[in-house]
PDB file of N, CA and C in Angstrom:
ATOM      1  N   MET A   1       0.798  -1.414  -0.231  1.00  0.00           N
ATOM      2  CA  MET A   1      -0.363   0.081  -0.379  1.00  0.00           C
ATOM      3  C   MET A   1       0.783   1.681  -0.193  1.00  0.00           C
ATOM      4  N   ASN A   2       0.766   2.302  -0.882  1.00  0.00           N
ATOM      5  CA  ASN A   2       1.224   3.574  -0.953  1.00  0.00           C
ATOM      6  C   ASN A   2       0.577   4.459   0.095  1.00  0.00           C
ATOM      7  N   VAL A   3       1.592   5.201   0.968  1.00  0.00           N
ATOM      8  CA  VAL A   3       0.929   5.859   2.083  1.00  0.00           C
ATOM      9  C   VAL A   3       1.906   6.841   1.878  1.00  0.00           C
ATOM     10  N   THR A   4       1.357   8.141   1.311  1.00  0.00           N
ATOM     11  CA  THR A   4       1.780   9.600   1.442  1.00  0.00           C
ATOM     12  C   THR A   4       1.183  10.614   2.959  1.00  0.00           C
ATOM     13  N   VAL A   5       2.262  11.217   3.116  1.00  0.00           N
ATOM     14  CA  VAL A   5       2.171  12.148   4.201  1.00  0.00           C
ATOM     15  C   VAL A   5       2.596  13.360   3.901  1.00  0.00           C
ATOM     16  N   TYR A   6       1.554  14.251   3.786  1.00  0.00           N
ATOM     17  CA  TYR A   6       1.708  16.024   3.133  1.00  0.00           C
ATOM     18  C   TYR A   6       2.281  16.833   4.231  1.00  0.00           C
ATOM     19  N   ALA A   7       2.985  17.096   4.717  1.00  0.00           N
ATOM     20  CA  ALA A   7       3.655  17.575   6.171  1.00  0.00           C
ATOM     21  C   ALA A   7       4.291  19.134   5.536  1.00  0.00           C
ATOM     22  N   LYS A   8       4.537  19.847   6.683  1.00  0.00           N
ATOM     23  CA  LYS A   8       5.069  21.110   6.586  1.00  0.00           C
ATOM     24  C   LYS A   8       5.711  21.408   8.458  1.00  0.00           C
ATOM     25  N   PRO A   9       7.165  21.903   8.308  1.00  0.00           N
ATOM     26  CA  PRO A   9       8.026  22.154   9.197  1.00  0.00           C
ATOM     27  C   PRO A   9       7.372  22.483  10.051  1.00  0.00           C
ATOM     28  N   HIS A  10       7.458  22.318  11.987  1.00  0.00           N
ATOM     29  CA  HIS A  10       7.221  22.861  12.921  1.00  0.00           C
ATOM     30  C   HIS A  10       5.424  22.227  13.340  1.00  0.00           C
ATOM     31  N   CYS A  11       5.265  21.134  12.706  1.00  0.00           N
ATOM     32  CA  CYS A  11       3.970  20.870  12.965  1.00  0.00           C
ATOM     33  C   CYS A  11       4.015  19.868  13.698  1.00  0.00           C
ATOM     34  N   PRO A  12       2.772  19.908  15.052  1.00  0.00           N
ATOM     35  CA  PRO A  12       3.018  18.787  16.097  1.00  0.00           C
ATOM     36  C   PRO A  12       2.501  17.728  15.476  1.00  0.00           C
ATOM     37  N   GLN A  13       1.587  18.083  14.791  1.00  0.00           N
ATOM     38  CA  GLN A  13       0.498  16.978  14.050  1.00  0.00           C
ATOM     39  C   GLN A  13       0.800  16.032  13.173  1.00  0.00           C
ATOM     40  N   CYS A  14       1.971  16.968  12.280  1.00  0.00           N
ATOM     41  CA  CYS A  14       3.159  16.288  11.363  1.00  0.00           C
ATOM     42  C   CYS A  14       3.364  15.289  12.242  1.00  0.00           C
ATOM     43  N   ALA A  15       4.129  15.972  13.265  1.00  0.00           N
ATOM     44  CA  ALA A  15       5.482  14.799  13.549  1.00  0.00           C
ATOM     45  C   ALA A  15       4.783  14.100  14.319  1.00  0.00           C
ATOM     46  N   ALA A  16       3.921  14.105  15.072  1.00  0.00           N
ATOM     47  CA  ALA A  16       3.015  12.410  15.699  1.00  0.00           C
ATOM     48  C   ALA A  16       2.472  11.776  14.798  1.00  0.00           C
ATOM     49  N   THR A  17       1.870  12.440  13.355  1.00  0.00           N
ATOM     50  CA  THR A  17       1.682  11.415  12.875  1.00  0.00           C
ATOM     51  C   THR A  17       2.679  10.568  12.295  1.00  0.00           C
ATOM     52  N   GLN A  18       3.716  11.207  11.873  1.00  0.00           N
ATOM     53  CA  GLN A  18       4.885  10.230  11.573  1.00  0.00           C
ATOM     54  C   GLN A  18       5.775   9.695  12.468  1.00  0.00           C
ATOM     55  N   ARG A  19       5.528   9.771  13.915  1.00  0.00           N
ATOM     56  CA  ARG A  19       6.187   9.151  14.732  1.00  0.00           C
ATOM     57  C   ARG A  19       5.458   7.944  14.945  1.00  0.00           C
ATOM     58  N   GLN A  20       4.081   8.228  15.117  1.00  0.00           N
ATOM     59  CA  GLN A  20       3.006   6.903  15.039  1.00  0.00           C
ATOM     60  C   GLN A  20       3.264   5.799  13.717  1.00  0.00           C
ATOM     61  N   LEU A  21       3.583   6.046  12.705  1.00  0.00           N
ATOM     62  CA  LEU A  21       4.007   5.487  11.125  1.00  0.00           C
ATOM     63  C   LEU A  21       4.405   4.417  11.626  1.00  0.00           C
ATOM     64  N   LYS A  22       6.183   5.062  12.082  1.00  0.00           N
ATOM     65  CA  LYS A  22       7.191   5.211  11.744  1.00  0.00           C
ATOM     66  C   LYS A  22       7.166   3.914  13.088  1.00  0.00           C
ATOM     67  N   ARG A  23       6.625   3.974  14.384  1.00  0.00           N
ATOM     68  CA  ARG A  23       6.555   3.371  15.575  1.00  0.00           C
ATOM     69  C   ARG A  23       5.860   1.937  15.337  1.00  0.00           C
ATOM     70  N   LEU A  24       4.696   1.781  14.137  1.00  0.00           N
ATOM     71  CA  LEU A  24       4.047   0.695  13.590  1.00  0.00           C
ATOM     72  C   LEU A  24       4.937  -0.166  12.416  1.00  0.00           C
ATOM     73  N   GLY A  25       6.023   0.828  11.622  1.00  0.00           N
ATOM     74  CA  GLY A  25       6.205  -0.217  11.100  1.00  0.00           C
ATOM     75  C   GLY A  25       5.430  -0.079   9.528  1.00  0.00           C
ATOM     76  N   VAL A  26       5.042   1.383   9.051  1.00  0.00           N
ATOM     77  CA  VAL A  26       4.380   1.518   8.064  1.00  0.00           C
ATOM     78  C   VAL A  26       5.047   2.423   7.210  1.00  0.00           C
ATOM     79  N   ASP A  27       5.265   2.292   6.413  1.00  0.00           N
ATOM     80  CA  ASP A  27       6.264   2.360   5.116  1.00  0.00           C
ATOM     81  C   ASP A  27       5.332   4.121   4.473  1.00  0.00           C
ATOM     82  N   TYR A  28       6.365   5.514   4.852  1.00  0.00           N
ATOM     83  CA  TYR A  28       5.584   6.415   3.959  1.00  0.00           C
ATOM     84  C   TYR A  28       6.371   7.116   3.287  1.00  0.00           C
ATOM     85  N   ARG A  29       6.094   7.998   2.613  1.00  0.00           N
ATOM     86  CA  ARG A  29       6.747   8.981   1.599  1.00  0.00           C
ATOM     87  C   ARG A  29       5.980  10.356   2.435  1.00  0.00           C
ATOM     88  N   GLU A  30       7.216  11.213   2.579  1.00  0.00           N
ATOM     89  CA  GLU A  30       7.124  12.336   3.310  1.00  0.00           C
ATOM     90  C   GLU A  30       7.261  13.702   2.087  1.00  0.00           C
ATOM     91  N   ILE A  31       6.460  14.302   1.864  1.00  0.00           N
ATOM     92  CA  ILE A  31       6.315  15.491   1.019  1.00  0.00           C
ATOM     93  C   ILE A  31       6.160  16.606   1.594  1.00  0.00           C
ATOM     94  N   ASP A  32       7.299  17.692   1.909  1.00  0.00           N
ATOM     95  CA  ASP A  32       6.855  18.984   2.607  1.00  0.00           C
ATOM     96  C   ASP A  32       6.124  20.194   1.803  1.00  0.00           C
ATOM     97  N   ILE A  33       4.910  20.371   2.004  1.00  0.00           N
ATOM     98  CA  ILE A  33       3.502  21.048   1.029  1.00  0.00           C
ATOM     99  C   ILE A  33       4.342  22.447   0.851  1.00  0.00           C
ATOM    100  N   THR A  34       5.738  23.123   1.975  1.00  0.00           N
ATOM    101  CA  THR A  34       5.525  24.265   1.852  1.00  0.00           C
ATOM    102  C   THR A  34       7.284  24.403   1.078  1.00  0.00           C
ATOM    103  N   GLN A  35       7.173  23.258   0.435  1.00  0.00           N
ATOM    104  CA  GLN A  35       8.723  22.893  -0.178  1.00  0.00           C
ATOM    105  C   GLN A  35       8.193  22.870  -1.868  1.00  0.00           C
ATOM    106  N   ASP A  36       7.085  22.093  -1.606  1.00  0.00           N
ATOM    107  CA  ASP A  36       6.232  21.522  -3.082  1.00  0.00           C
ATOM    108  C   ASP A  36       4.824  21.979  -3.516  1.00  0.00           C
ATOM    109  N   GLU A  37       5.316  22.998  -4.635  1.00  0.00           N
ATOM    110  CA  GLU A  37       4.200  23.792  -4.975  1.00  0.00           C
ATOM    111  C   GLU A  37       2.879  22.971  -5.318  1.00  0.00           C
ATOM    112  N   GLU A  38       3.036  22.067  -6.363  1.00  0.00           N
ATOM    113  CA  GLU A  38       2.646  20.762  -6.884  1.00  0.00           C
ATOM    114  C   GLU A  38       1.277  20.085  -5.824  1.00  0.00           C
ATOM    115  N   ALA A  39       2.455  19.534  -4.804  1.00  0.00           N
ATOM    116  CA  ALA A  39       1.851  18.369  -3.766  1.00  0.00           C
ATOM    117  C   ALA A  39       0.669  19.443  -2.815  1.00  0.00           C
ATOM    118  N   LEU A  40       0.987  21.034  -2.968  1.00  0.00           N
ATOM    119  CA  LEU A  40       0.186  22.023  -2.018  1.00  0.00           C
ATOM    120  C   LEU A  40      -0.800  21.726  -2.764  1.00  0.00           C
ATOM    121  N   LYS A  41      -1.137  22.357  -4.307  1.00  0.00           N
ATOM    122  CA  LYS A  41      -2.020  22.163  -5.103  1.00  0.00           C
ATOM    123  C   LYS A  41      -3.005  21.090  -4.853  1.00  0.00           C
ATOM    124  N   LYS A  42      -2.110  19.904  -5.020  1.00  0.00           N
ATOM    125  CA  LYS A  42      -3.375  18.416  -4.687  1.00  0.00           C
ATOM    126  C   LYS A  42      -3.850  18.662  -3.541  1.00  0.00           C
ATOM    127  N   VAL A  43      -3.046  18.796  -2.067  1.00  0.00           N
ATOM    128  CA  VAL A  43      -4.006  18.733  -1.061  1.00  0.00           C
ATOM    129  C   VAL A  43      -4.744  19.715  -1.115  1.00  0.00           C
ATOM    130  N   LEU A  44      -4.961  20.969  -1.655  1.00  0.00           N
ATOM    131  CA  LEU A  44      -5.974  21.608  -1.637  1.00  0.00           C
ATOM    132  C   LEU A  44      -7.173  21.660  -2.123  1.00  0.00           C
ATOM    133  N   ALA A  45      -6.905  21.033  -3.768  1.00  0.00           N
ATOM    134  CA  ALA A  45      -7.606  20.885  -4.732  1.00  0.00           C
ATOM    135  C   ALA A  45      -8.782  19.215  -3.923  1.00  0.00           C
ATOM    136  N   ALA A  46      -8.254  18.673  -3.143  1.00  0.00           N
ATOM    137  CA  ALA A  46      -8.868  17.668  -2.364  1.00  0.00           C
ATOM    138  C   ALA A  46      -9.909  17.853  -1.501  1.00  0.00           C
ATOM    139  N   GLY A  47      -9.842  19.507  -0.964  1.00  0.00           N
ATOM    140  CA  GLY A  47     -10.310  19.802   0.334  1.00  0.00           C
ATOM    141  C   GLY A  47      -9.881  20.029   1.134  1.00  0.00           C
ATOM    142  N   PHE A  48      -8.897  20.014   1.396  1.00  0.00           N
ATOM    143  CA  PHE A  48      -8.095  19.741   2.791  1.00  0.00           C
ATOM    144  C   PHE A  48      -7.527  21.187   3.146  1.00  0.00           C
ATOM    145  N   LYS A  49      -7.352  21.692   4.481  1.00  0.00           N
ATOM    146  CA  LYS A  49      -7.020  23.139   4.890  1.00  0.00           C
ATOM    147  C   LYS A  49      -6.303  22.741   6.418  1.00  0.00           C
ATOM    148  N   GLN A  50      -5.740  21.258   6.756  1.00  0.00           N
ATOM    149  CA  GLN A  50      -5.430  21.226   7.561  1.00  0.00           C
ATOM    150  C   GLN A  50      -4.272  20.410   7.389  1.00  0.00           C
ATOM    151  N   ALA A  51      -2.569  20.455   7.531  1.00  0.00           N
ATOM    152  CA  ALA A  51      -1.713  19.304   8.113  1.00  0.00           C
ATOM    153  C   ALA A  51      -1.625  18.821   9.471  1.00  0.00           C
ATOM    154  N   PRO A  52      -1.081  17.595   8.832  1.00  0.00           N
ATOM    155  CA  PRO A  52      -0.613  16.409   7.843  1.00  0.00           C
ATOM    156  C   PRO A  52      -2.053  16.137   7.193  1.00  0.00           C
ATOM    157  N   VAL A  53      -1.646  15.883   5.583  1.00  0.00           N
ATOM    158  CA  VAL A  53      -2.802  15.060   4.951  1.00  0.00           C
ATOM    159  C   VAL A  53      -1.766  13.791   4.429  1.00  0.00           C
ATOM    160  N   VAL A  54      -2.558  12.794   5.298  1.00  0.00           N
ATOM    161  CA  VAL A  54      -2.341  11.396   4.697  1.00  0.00           C
ATOM    162  C   VAL A  54      -3.120  10.988   3.233  1.00  0.00           C
ATOM    163  N   MET A  55      -2.585  10.479   2.680  1.00  0.00           N
ATOM    164  CA  MET A  55      -3.373  10.214   1.498  1.00  0.00           C
ATOM    165  C   MET A  55      -2.704   8.506   0.754  1.00  0.00           C
ATOM    166  N   THR A  56      -3.426   7.524   0.939  1.00  0.00           N
ATOM    167  CA  THR A  56      -3.700   5.882   0.715  1.00  0.00           C
ATOM    168  C   THR A  56      -3.928   5.248  -1.033  1.00  0.00           C
ATOM    169  N   ASP A  57      -3.994   4.338  -1.023  1.00  0.00           N
ATOM    170  CA  ASP A  57      -4.129   3.918  -2.154  1.00  0.00           C
ATOM    171  C   ASP A  57      -6.159   3.875  -1.624  1.00  0.00           C
ATOM    172  N   HIS A  58      -6.822   3.659  -0.828  1.00  0.00           N
ATOM    173  CA  HIS A  58      -7.869   3.777  -0.764  1.00  0.00           C
ATOM    174  C   HIS A  58      -8.557   4.638   0.489  1.00  0.00           C
ATOM    175  N   ASP A  59      -7.425   6.095   0.875  1.00  0.00           N
ATOM    176  CA  ASP A  59      -8.443   6.789   2.207  1.00  0.00           C
ATOM    177  C   ASP A  59      -7.585   7.623   1.933  1.00  0.00           C
ATOM    178  N   ALA A  60      -8.035   9.238   2.641  1.00  0.00           N
ATOM    179  CA  ALA A  60      -7.271   9.965   2.804  1.00  0.00           C
ATOM    180  C   ALA A  60      -8.063  11.050   3.928  1.00  0.00           C
ATOM    181  N   TRP A  61      -7.054  11.832   4.504  1.00  0.00           N
ATOM    182  CA  TRP A  61      -7.618  12.442   5.712  1.00  0.00           C
ATOM    183  C   TRP A  61      -6.721  13.662   6.142  1.00  0.00           C
ATOM    184  N   SER A  62      -7.061  14.686   6.772  1.00  0.00           N
ATOM    185  CA  SER A  62      -5.921  15.248   7.648  1.00  0.00           C
ATOM    186  C   SER A  62      -6.229  15.145   9.085  1.00  0.00           C
ATOM    187  N   GLY A  63      -5.017  16.249   9.269  1.00  0.00           N
ATOM    188  CA  GLY A  63      -5.025  15.709  11.115  1.00  0.00           C
ATOM    189  C   GLY A  63      -4.152  14.401  11.674  1.00  0.00           C
ATOM    190  N   TYR A  64      -4.357  14.564  13.102  1.00  0.00           N
ATOM    191  CA  TYR A  64      -3.742  13.536  13.619  1.00  0.00           C
ATOM    192  C   TYR A  64      -4.369  12.393  13.997  1.00  0.00           C
ATOM    193  N   ARG A  65      -4.760  11.333  13.322  1.00  0.00           N
ATOM    194  CA  ARG A  65      -5.878  10.392  13.279  1.00  0.00           C
ATOM    195  C   ARG A  65      -5.120   9.025  13.947  1.00  0.00           C
ATOM    196  N   PRO A  66      -4.985   8.689  14.990  1.00  0.00           N
ATOM    197  CA  PRO A  66      -4.370   7.199  15.285  1.00  0.00           C
ATOM    198  C   PRO A  66      -5.381   6.100  15.023  1.00  0.00           C
ATOM    199  N   ASP A  67      -6.670   6.483  14.839  1.00  0.00           N
ATOM    200  CA  ASP A  67      -7.375   5.374  14.582  1.00  0.00           C
ATOM    201  C   ASP A  67      -7.057   4.777  13.261  1.00  0.00           C
ATOM    202  N   LYS A  68      -7.128   5.883  12.276  1.00  0.00           N
ATOM    203  CA  LYS A  68      -6.867   6.101  10.850  1.00  0.00           C
ATOM    204  C   LYS A  68      -5.132   4.854  10.813  1.00  0.00           C
ATOM    205  N   ILE A  69      -4.246   5.564  11.210  1.00  0.00           N
ATOM    206  CA  ILE A  69      -3.093   5.090  11.806  1.00  0.00           C
ATOM    207  C   ILE A  69      -3.167   3.717  11.681  1.00  0.00           C
ATOM    208  N   LYS A  70      -3.733   3.396  13.049  1.00  0.00           N
ATOM    209  CA  LYS A  70      -3.868   2.130  13.527  1.00  0.00           C
ATOM    210  C   LYS A  70      -4.236   0.796  12.363  1.00  0.00           C
ATOM    211  N   ALA A  71      -5.199   1.398  11.435  1.00  0.00           N
ATOM    212  CA  ALA A  71      -6.336   0.765  10.949  1.00  0.00           C
ATOM    213  C   ALA A  71      -5.178   0.040   9.569  1.00  0.00           C
ATOM    214  N   LEU A  72      -3.640   1.071   8.946  1.00  0.00           N
ATOM    215  CA  LEU A  72      -3.029   0.854   8.123  1.00  0.00           C
ATOM    216  C   LEU A  72      -2.254  -0.505   8.281  1.00  0.00           C
ATOM    217  N   VAL A  73      -2.133  -0.880   9.386  1.00  0.00           N
ATOM    218  CA  VAL A  73      -1.237  -2.177   9.799  1.00  0.00           C
ATOM    219  C   VAL A  73      -1.843  -3.167   9.545  1.00  0.00           C
ATOM    220  N   PRO A  74      -1.260  -4.087   9.089  1.00  0.00           N
ATOM    221  CA  PRO A  74      -1.875  -5.329   9.140  1.00  0.00           C
ATOM    222  C   PRO A  74      -2.062  -6.544  10.135  1.00  0.00           C
ATOM    223  N   SER A  75      -3.272  -6.832  10.267  1.00  0.00           N
ATOM    224  CA  SER A  75      -2.902  -7.825  11.215  1.00  0.00           C
ATOM    225  C   SER A  75      -2.281  -9.314  11.478  1.00  0.00           C
ATOM    226  N   THR A  76      -0.987  -8.896  11.764  1.00  0.00           N
ATOM    227  CA  THR A  76      -0.090 -10.037  11.948  1.00  0.00           C
ATOM    228  C   THR A  76      -0.093 -10.224  13.477  1.00  0.00           C
ATOM    229  N   PRO A  77       0.364 -11.011  14.113  1.00  0.00           N
ATOM    230  CA  PRO A  77       0.448 -10.912  15.528  1.00  0.00           C
ATOM    231  C   PRO A  77       1.534  -9.981  15.761  1.00  0.00           C
ATOM    232  N   GLU A  78       2.672  -9.404  15.645  1.00  0.00           N
ATOM    233  CA  GLU A  78       3.809  -8.575  15.609  1.00  0.00           C
ATOM    234  C   GLU A  78       3.267  -7.239  15.429  1.00  0.00           C
ATOM    235  N   ALA A  79       2.140  -7.137  14.149  1.00  0.00           N
ATOM    236  CA  ALA A  79       2.146  -5.900  14.078  1.00  0.00           C
ATOM    237  C   ALA A  79       1.021  -5.490  15.354  1.00  0.00           C
ATOM    238  N   LEU A  80       0.074  -6.270  15.838  1.00  0.00           N
ATOM    239  CA  LEU A  80      -1.335  -6.315  16.915  1.00  0.00           C
ATOM    240  C   LEU A  80      -0.625  -5.817  17.875  1.00  0.00           C
ATOM    241  N   ARG A  81       0.317  -6.729  18.853  1.00  0.00           N
ATOM    242  CA  ARG A  81       0.858  -6.383  19.786  1.00  0.00           C
ATOM    243  C   ARG A  81       1.887  -4.960  19.268  1.00  0.00           C
ATOM    244  N   ALA A  82       2.851  -4.512  18.401  1.00  0.00           N
ATOM    245  CA  ALA A  82       2.880  -3.197  18.340  1.00  0.00           C
ATOM    246  C   ALA A  82       1.814  -1.943  18.190  1.00  0.00           C
ATOM    247  N   VAL A  83       0.596  -2.599  17.859  1.00  0.00           N
ATOM    248  CA  VAL A  83      -1.125  -1.568  17.774  1.00  0.00           C
ATOM    249  C   VAL A  83      -0.777  -1.470  19.444  1.00  0.00           C
ATOM    250  N   ALA A  84      -0.817  -2.561  20.234  1.00  0.00           N
ATOM    251  CA  ALA A  84      -1.333  -2.478  22.050  1.00  0.00           C
ATOM    252  C   ALA A  84      -0.249  -1.678  22.551  1.00  0.00           C
ATOM    253  N   TYR A  85       1.152  -1.840  22.535  1.00  0.00           N
ATOM    254  CA  TYR A  85       1.865  -1.381  23.156  1.00  0.00           C
ATOM    255  C   TYR A  85       2.176   0.156  22.811  1.00  0.00           C
ATOM    256  N   SER A  86       1.527   0.605  21.779  1.00  0.00           N
ATOM    257  CA  SER A  86       1.630   2.373  21.006  1.00  0.00           C
ATOM    258  C   SER A  86       0.430   2.847  22.078  1.00  0.00           C
ATOM    259  N   SER A  87      -0.836   1.594  21.965  1.00  0.00           N
ATOM    260  CA  SER A  87      -1.831   1.997  22.374  1.00  0.00           C
ATOM    261  C   SER A  87      -1.629   2.674  24.246  1.00  0.00           C
ATOM    262  N   VAL A  88      -1.215   1.921  25.004  1.00  0.00           N
ATOM    263  CA  VAL A  88      -0.405   2.299  26.630  1.00  0.00           C
ATOM    264  C   VAL A  88       0.700   3.100  26.490  1.00  0.00           C
ATOM    265  N   ARG A  89       1.167   3.761  25.267  1.00  0.00           N
ATOM    266  CA  ARG A  89       2.271   4.553  25.833  1.00  0.00           C
ATOM    267  C   ARG A  89       1.539   6.152  25.875  1.00  0.00           C
TER     268      ARG A  89
END
């Protein structure tokens, strides 16, 4: 699955989203919308006004959404343990 995080510097929700993705082992690509005008246009055209914007093959959302991030994790025993651990922290 392709996961792209459209983020900007000094954005606490962007940092939290990326931290959670890394913690759960979700591969993603980060695009800085302050440096990529085409990416910013894409995000705005999709109706988003808040960073980060996360786009996957089948979903898109803005802001820090731990529920959506956890849904990206496959249902393997290792992944389920990682999700449970991150929920406790």
